[in-house]
Amino acid sequence: MPKMKTHKSAAKRYKVTATGKIVRRQAGIGHLLQHKSASRKRKIFKLVSISDSHVKLISKELPYKKHSR
């Protein structure tokens, strides 16, 4: 039986927390930062968990992700 392959771009974009949640970076922090307020940039730098509608899709791309302990 062949092994399942991890979708490599998904593995780079998403991280799995110790409790099994999948987190991602927020958009809008790559460039054009000088006109954004400091408070807006602080909020954007934090990781956020993915929406419930995407959990199943992203879990398919990460077949060997850790499960909650």
Protein backbone atom coordinates (compact mmCIF):
# COMPACT_ATOMS: atom_id res chain seq x y z
CA MET A 1 0.00 0.00 0.00
CA PRO A 2 1.52 3.38 -0.93
CA LYS A 3 2.07 6.07 1.66
CA MET A 4 -0.02 9.24 1.69
CA LYS A 5 1.89 12.40 0.87
CA THR A 6 1.75 15.64 2.82
CA HIS A 7 0.81 18.71 0.77
CA LYS A 8 4.07 20.62 1.23
CA SER A 9 2.68 24.12 0.76
CA ALA A 10 0.05 23.40 3.43
CA ALA A 11 2.74 22.10 5.78
CA LYS A 12 4.59 25.40 5.42
CA ARG A 13 1.49 27.57 5.88
CA TYR A 14 -0.22 25.86 8.82
CA LYS A 15 1.01 24.70 12.22
CA VAL A 16 -0.71 22.33 14.64
CA THR A 17 -0.85 23.31 18.31
CA ALA A 18 -0.40 20.88 21.20
CA THR A 19 -4.17 20.67 21.59
CA GLY A 20 -4.64 19.79 17.91
CA LYS A 21 -5.87 23.15 16.61
CA ILE A 22 -4.57 24.34 13.25
CA VAL A 23 -3.25 27.92 13.19
CA ARG A 24 -2.22 30.22 10.36
CA ARG A 25 -0.63 33.63 9.81
CA GLN A 26 -2.83 36.59 9.02
CA ALA A 27 -2.73 38.39 5.69
CA GLY A 28 -1.53 41.95 5.23
CA ILE A 29 1.83 41.91 6.99
CA GLY A 30 4.14 41.24 4.03
CA HIS A 31 4.66 44.83 2.87
CA LEU A 32 3.19 48.36 2.87
CA LEU A 33 3.56 48.60 6.65
CA GLN A 34 4.43 52.26 7.02
CA HIS A 35 0.88 53.58 6.67
CA LYS A 36 -0.64 50.96 8.99
CA SER A 37 -1.04 51.87 12.64
CA ALA A 38 1.07 50.16 15.30
CA SER A 39 -1.97 48.61 16.96
CA ARG A 40 -3.16 47.21 13.63
CA LYS A 41 0.26 45.68 12.96
CA ARG A 42 0.40 44.12 16.43
CA LYS A 43 -2.94 42.43 15.84
CA ILE A 44 -1.93 41.19 12.38
CA PHE A 45 1.34 39.62 13.58
CA LYS A 46 -0.46 37.13 15.84
CA LEU A 47 -1.46 33.65 14.71
CA VAL A 48 -5.16 32.84 14.38
CA SER A 49 -6.93 29.49 14.25
CA ILE A 50 -8.52 28.48 10.96
CA SER A 51 -12.27 28.64 10.48
CA ASP A 52 -14.42 25.60 11.16
CA SER A 53 -15.35 25.28 7.50
CA HIS A 54 -11.67 24.79 6.54
CA VAL A 55 -10.66 22.26 9.19
CA LYS A 56 -11.68 19.23 7.14
CA LEU A 57 -10.02 20.51 3.95
CA ILE A 58 -6.71 21.34 5.59
CA SER A 59 -6.67 18.13 7.62
CA LYS A 60 -6.78 16.21 4.33
CA GLU A 61 -3.66 18.02 3.17
CA LEU A 62 -1.86 17.24 6.44
CA PRO A 63 -2.49 13.49 6.88
CA TYR A 64 0.28 13.05 9.48
CA LYS A 65 -0.59 16.02 11.69
CA LYS A 66 -0.39 15.46 15.43
CA HIS A 67 -3.60 14.73 17.28
CA SER A 68 -4.51 16.16 20.65
CA ARG A 69 -3.12 14.31 23.62
